[in-house]
Protein backbone atom coordinates (compact mmCIF):
# COMPACT_ATOMS: atom_id res chain seq x y z
CA UNK A 1 -7.37 17.33 7.79
CA UNK A 2 -4.05 17.39 5.91
CA UNK A 3 -2.00 15.16 8.58
CA UNK A 4 0.48 12.89 7.26
CA UNK A 5 3.13 10.16 9.22
CA UNK A 6 6.01 9.16 7.22
CA UNK A 7 8.89 7.02 7.82
CA UNK A 8 11.78 8.35 5.66
CA UNK A 9 15.51 6.79 5.27
CA UNK A 10 18.91 6.73 3.62
CA UNK A 11 22.18 4.81 3.65
CA UNK A 12 25.91 5.37 3.51
CA UNK A 13 28.65 2.88 2.36
CA UNK A 14 31.97 2.49 4.10
CA UNK A 15 32.01 5.32 6.44
CA UNK A 16 35.40 4.03 8.17
CA UNK A 17 34.15 5.66 11.35
CA UNK A 18 33.48 9.25 9.40
CA UNK A 19 29.87 10.65 9.73
CA UNK A 20 28.43 10.92 5.81
CA UNK A 21 25.50 12.57 4.81
CA UNK A 22 22.53 10.15 4.01
CA UNK A 23 22.00 9.32 0.46
CA UNK A 24 18.22 9.41 0.64
CA UNK A 25 15.98 6.11 -0.44
CA UNK A 26 13.83 6.37 -3.23
CA UNK A 27 11.04 8.86 -3.23
CA UNK A 28 12.47 10.04 0.58
CA UNK A 29 13.46 13.92 0.78
CA UNK A 30 14.44 15.44 4.63
CA UNK A 31 13.20 18.81 3.78
CA UNK A 32 10.35 19.46 5.87
CA UNK A 33 7.18 19.91 4.33
CA UNK A 34 5.13 23.31 4.33
CA UNK A 35 2.90 22.99 7.42
CA UNK A 36 1.27 26.42 6.97
CA UNK A 37 2.57 26.55 10.77
CA UNK A 38 0.67 23.81 11.96
CA UNK A 39 3.93 21.87 12.70
CA UNK A 40 5.87 19.09 12.17
CA UNK A 41 8.46 16.65 14.15
CA UNK A 42 10.67 13.87 14.20
CA UNK A 43 8.79 11.32 16.31
CA UNK A 44 11.70 8.70 16.37
CA UNK A 45 14.65 8.04 14.79
CA UNK A 46 17.30 4.97 14.49
CA UNK A 47 20.21 3.33 12.47
CA UNK A 48 21.54 0.06 11.50
CA UNK A 49 25.07 -0.43 11.35
CA UNK A 50 27.35 -3.87 10.69
CA UNK A 51 30.29 -2.86 13.02
CA UNK A 52 30.07 -0.67 16.00
CA UNK A 53 30.43 1.56 17.35
CA UNK A 54 29.16 4.10 15.35
CA UNK A 55 27.23 7.61 15.23
CA UNK A 56 23.81 8.87 13.94
CA UNK A 57 23.73 12.71 13.76
CA UNK A 58 20.66 14.81 13.18
CA UNK A 59 21.18 18.40 13.46
CA UNK A 60 20.38 21.77 12.03
CA UNK A 61 20.45 25.57 12.84
CA UNK A 62 16.73 25.91 13.36
CA UNK A 63 15.99 22.20 15.22
CA UNK A 64 18.86 22.47 17.82
CA UNK A 65 22.63 23.67 18.33
CA UNK A 66 23.80 23.14 14.53
CA UNK A 67 26.80 21.27 15.82
CA UNK A 68 26.56 17.99 17.40
CA UNK A 69 22.54 18.21 17.61
CA UNK A 70 21.04 14.70 18.47
CA UNK A 71 24.31 12.35 18.48
CA UNK A 72 23.60 8.98 19.92
CA UNK A 73 26.21 6.40 19.60
CA UNK A 74 25.55 3.20 17.98
CA UNK A 75 25.89 -0.69 18.24
CA UNK A 76 26.10 -3.59 15.71
CA UNK A 77 22.74 -4.26 13.59
CA UNK A 78 20.22 -2.85 16.37
CA UNK A 79 18.15 -0.65 14.58
CA UNK A 80 15.59 0.50 17.32
CA UNK A 81 14.27 3.48 18.25
CA UNK A 82 16.94 5.95 19.67
CA UNK A 83 14.57 8.89 20.87
CA UNK A 84 13.23 8.71 24.22
CA UNK A 85 9.27 7.64 23.87
CA UNK A 86 7.35 10.81 24.34
CA UNK A 87 10.16 13.09 23.19
CA UNK A 88 10.19 14.42 19.46
CA UNK A 89 12.49 16.69 17.71
CA UNK A 90 10.77 20.01 16.30
CA UNK A 91 10.82 20.47 12.64
CA UNK A 92 10.24 24.03 10.79
CA UNK A 93 8.70 24.59 7.52
CA UNK A 94 10.83 24.05 4.43
CA UNK A 95 14.05 23.70 6.73
CA UNK A 96 16.55 20.78 5.52
CA UNK A 97 17.82 18.96 8.61
CA UNK A 98 21.43 17.44 8.18
CA UNK A 99 21.43 13.86 9.22
CA UNK A 100 24.70 11.77 9.06
CA UNK A 101 25.81 8.31 9.80
CA UNK A 102 29.06 6.48 10.65
CA UNK A 103 30.25 2.89 11.32
CA UNK A 104 33.24 1.03 11.91
CA UNK A 105 32.78 -0.50 9.01
CA UNK A 106 34.72 -2.29 5.86
CA UNK A 107 34.26 -1.71 2.26
CA UNK A 108 31.33 -2.14 0.54
CA UNK A 109 29.13 -2.58 4.15
CA UNK A 110 26.05 -0.17 3.65
CA UNK A 111 24.60 1.36 6.49
CA UNK A 112 21.02 2.47 6.75
CA UNK A 113 19.25 5.29 9.17
CA UNK A 114 15.18 5.92 9.47
CA UNK A 115 13.37 8.84 10.61
CA UNK A 116 9.52 8.90 11.51
CA UNK A 117 8.01 12.27 10.48
CA UNK A 118 4.67 13.42 11.60
CA UNK A 119 3.01 16.74 9.86
CA UNK A 120 -0.09 18.47 11.35
CA UNK A 121 -0.70 19.54 8.05
CA UNK A 122 0.72 18.65 4.42
CA UNK A 123 -0.42 19.73 1.41
CA UNK A 124 -2.22 16.97 -1.01
CA UNK A 125 -2.07 14.65 1.99
CA UNK A 126 -4.70 13.45 4.65
CA UNK A 127 -4.09 10.19 5.64
CA UNK A 128 -6.34 8.12 7.91
CA UNK A 129 -4.40 8.51 11.43
CA UNK A 130 -6.34 7.81 14.82
CA UNK A 131 -5.04 8.30 18.54
CA UNK A 132 -4.90 5.47 20.73
CA UNK A 133 -7.82 7.11 22.55
CA UNK A 134 -9.56 6.74 19.38
CA UNK A 135 -8.56 3.44 18.75
CA UNK A 136 -9.91 2.08 22.13
CA UNK A 137 -13.50 3.50 21.08
CA UNK A 138 -13.63 1.94 18.05
CA UNK A 139 -12.36 -1.73 18.23
CA UNK A 140 -14.40 -4.70 18.13
CA UNK A 141 -12.24 -6.79 20.19
CA UNK A 142 -10.69 -8.53 17.34
CA UNK A 143 -6.88 -8.70 16.77
CA UNK A 144 -5.31 -10.49 13.90
CA UNK A 145 -1.72 -11.05 12.16
CA UNK A 146 -0.88 -10.98 8.71
CA UNK A 147 2.53 -12.73 7.86
CA UNK A 148 4.67 -11.46 4.90
CA UNK A 149 8.15 -12.82 4.01
CA UNK A 150 9.89 -10.09 2.66
CA UNK A 151 12.47 -10.85 -0.53
CA UNK A 152 14.93 -7.79 0.75
CA UNK A 153 17.77 -6.75 -1.88
CA UNK A 154 21.28 -6.22 -0.92
CA UNK A 155 20.81 -2.32 -2.02
CA UNK A 156 20.04 -0.28 0.92
CA UNK A 157 16.99 1.05 -0.75
CA UNK A 158 13.38 -0.13 -0.42
CA UNK A 159 12.70 -3.48 -2.08
CA UNK A 160 10.78 -6.34 -1.37
CA UNK A 161 7.41 -4.91 -2.11
CA UNK A 162 4.21 -6.96 -1.80
CA UNK A 163 0.68 -6.83 -0.75
CA UNK A 164 -0.69 -7.54 2.76
CA UNK A 165 -2.56 -10.49 1.21
CA UNK A 166 0.31 -11.89 -0.80
CA UNK A 167 0.22 -15.31 1.30
CA UNK A 168 -2.74 -14.71 3.80
CA UNK A 169 -6.26 -13.08 3.20
CA UNK A 170 -7.43 -12.94 6.90
CA UNK A 171 -8.62 -9.46 6.29
CA UNK A 172 -12.35 -9.03 5.77
CA UNK A 173 -13.16 -7.05 2.88
CA UNK A 174 -15.53 -3.68 3.96
CA UNK A 175 -14.00 -3.77 7.40
CA UNK A 176 -11.47 -1.43 8.67
CA UNK A 177 -8.39 -2.31 10.55
CA UNK A 178 -5.86 -0.43 12.69
CA UNK A 179 -2.11 -1.29 12.43
CA UNK A 180 -1.00 -1.65 16.12
CA UNK A 181 2.37 -3.08 15.40
CA UNK A 182 4.52 -5.80 14.21
CA UNK A 183 6.82 -8.61 14.83
CA UNK A 184 10.16 -9.09 12.55
CA UNK A 185 11.44 -12.88 13.09
CA UNK A 186 14.14 -14.88 11.13
CA UNK A 187 16.15 -11.85 10.19
CA UNK A 188 16.15 -8.27 11.32
CA UNK A 189 16.79 -5.12 8.60
CA UNK A 190 16.58 -1.41 8.82
CA UNK A 191 13.05 -0.87 8.79
CA UNK A 192 9.61 -2.19 7.43
CA UNK A 193 6.78 0.01 6.22
CA UNK A 194 3.64 0.07 4.68
CA UNK A 195 1.85 2.35 2.58
CA UNK A 196 -1.84 2.48 0.80
CA UNK A 197 -4.32 5.34 -0.60
CA UNK A 198 -5.06 5.43 3.27
CA UNK A 199 -1.91 6.82 4.12
CA UNK A 200 -1.75 9.17 1.53
CA UNK A 201 0.49 6.49 -0.56
CA UNK A 202 3.29 7.82 2.00
CA UNK A 203 5.38 4.82 3.83
CA UNK A 204 4.56 4.74 7.42
CA UNK A 205 6.49 2.15 9.34
CA UNK A 206 9.14 1.50 12.09
CA UNK A 207 12.43 -0.28 12.81
CA UNK A 208 12.94 -3.92 11.32
CA UNK A 209 14.19 -5.09 14.99
CA UNK A 210 13.80 -8.53 16.11
CA UNK A 211 12.95 -6.88 19.64
CA UNK A 212 8.97 -7.52 20.18
CA UNK A 213 8.88 -5.41 22.89
CA UNK A 214 10.03 -2.32 20.59
CA UNK A 215 7.53 -3.22 17.51
CA UNK A 216 4.45 -5.41 18.87
CA UNK A 217 2.60 -2.34 19.87
CA UNK A 218 4.72 0.28 17.86
CA UNK A 219 1.98 2.65 16.71
CA UNK A 220 -0.14 2.46 19.80
CA UNK A 221 3.08 3.31 21.92
CA UNK A 222 3.95 6.15 19.99
CA UNK A 223 0.50 7.67 19.96
CA UNK A 224 0.21 6.73 23.81
CA UNK A 225 3.54 8.56 24.32
CA UNK A 226 3.14 11.65 21.81
CA UNK A 227 -0.50 12.28 22.00
CA UNK A 228 -0.67 12.42 18.24
CA UNK A 229 -2.54 9.87 15.75
CA UNK A 230 -0.07 7.65 14.64
CA UNK A 231 -2.01 4.46 14.29
CA UNK A 232 -3.14 3.96 10.39
CA UNK A 233 -6.36 2.45 9.57
CA UNK A 234 -6.97 0.73 6.53
CA UNK A 235 -9.95 0.27 4.51
CA UNK A 236 -10.15 -3.26 3.14
CA UNK A 237 -12.04 -3.19 0.09
CA UNK A 238 -9.14 -3.66 -1.80
CA UNK A 239 -6.66 -5.46 0.12
CA UNK A 240 -4.08 -5.72 -2.68
CA UNK A 241 -3.50 -1.82 -2.40
CA UNK A 242 -1.87 -2.20 1.07
CA UNK A 243 2.11 -2.69 0.38
CA UNK A 244 4.34 -3.75 2.69
CA UNK A 245 8.16 -3.61 2.14
CA UNK A 246 11.48 -2.95 3.96
CA UNK A 247 15.25 -1.97 3.79
CA UNK A 248 18.38 -4.19 3.90
CA UNK A 249 22.26 -3.95 3.68
CA UNK A 250 24.13 -5.66 1.09
CA UNK A 251 24.01 -9.07 2.81
CA UNK A 252 20.38 -9.29 1.52
CA UNK A 253 18.70 -11.72 4.45
CA UNK A 254 14.80 -12.10 4.11
CA UNK A 255 12.81 -11.09 7.29
CA UNK A 256 9.18 -12.53 8.11
CA UNK A 257 6.92 -9.80 9.27
CA UNK A 258 3.54 -10.46 11.32
CA UNK A 259 1.95 -7.07 10.94
CA UNK A 260 -0.88 -6.64 13.94
CA UNK A 261 -4.11 -5.39 13.01
CA UNK A 262 -6.95 -4.37 15.10
CA UNK A 263 -10.61 -4.95 13.89
CA UNK A 264 -12.65 -1.66 14.13
CA UNK A 265 -16.45 -1.56 14.53
CA UNK A 266 -18.48 -0.59 11.62
CA UNK A 267 -21.38 2.07 12.09
CA UNK A 268 -23.86 1.03 14.23
CA UNK A 269 -22.03 -1.89 15.79
């Protein structure tokens, strides 16, 4: 009870190789929720910069050495996950991590970072999340893709939101579907996110990379690696309640996203 999964993000503009603190995007906060000691983690993180090299720095006196911390270097336009799979960064209740981002950029360039945070308990939230083992016991053998092309604005913040059934209605009312992963084609972006009442209206998501190996089973792979419930399950009685959006830089290119769902068994099937 009370678990949550949320992708949070922020951006910086024209760092000129100097790491700047993230300006957090709409509705997102870096401060760790009060989990009542149940535990919270950054499961992974990534960044999209236009010109490298750059740096994503995650640090804090409680979570690492408070100096460089986790400090991976970045290349151009690849928002791929930067943590080793299965390794996460432990967070502490009410602590405020420091996240800085830099690029070898020009005036007006927007760089964006994302972090995927899991809480074993978060007050007021009880997201419908399952593990890969629970998924294996629940699937009925059907996988389905649903396609959305997102009109992402050149803001560095969340835009382009639309209902999952905006252009396709493959999902059946009254069924439950697990979000396994996704594919991004056409143009990459910093991240893709999904949210609904089933996620506690928190955005779950991952990198907007064109690399299908990283995304096709992103949530299943995360659960396999961490043994945590990171796979969102959605009740499709009201498909329009499941929303998808993304984050793009000042160039504003639109990605096409194929969300990959597994249909789950109903009781008695």
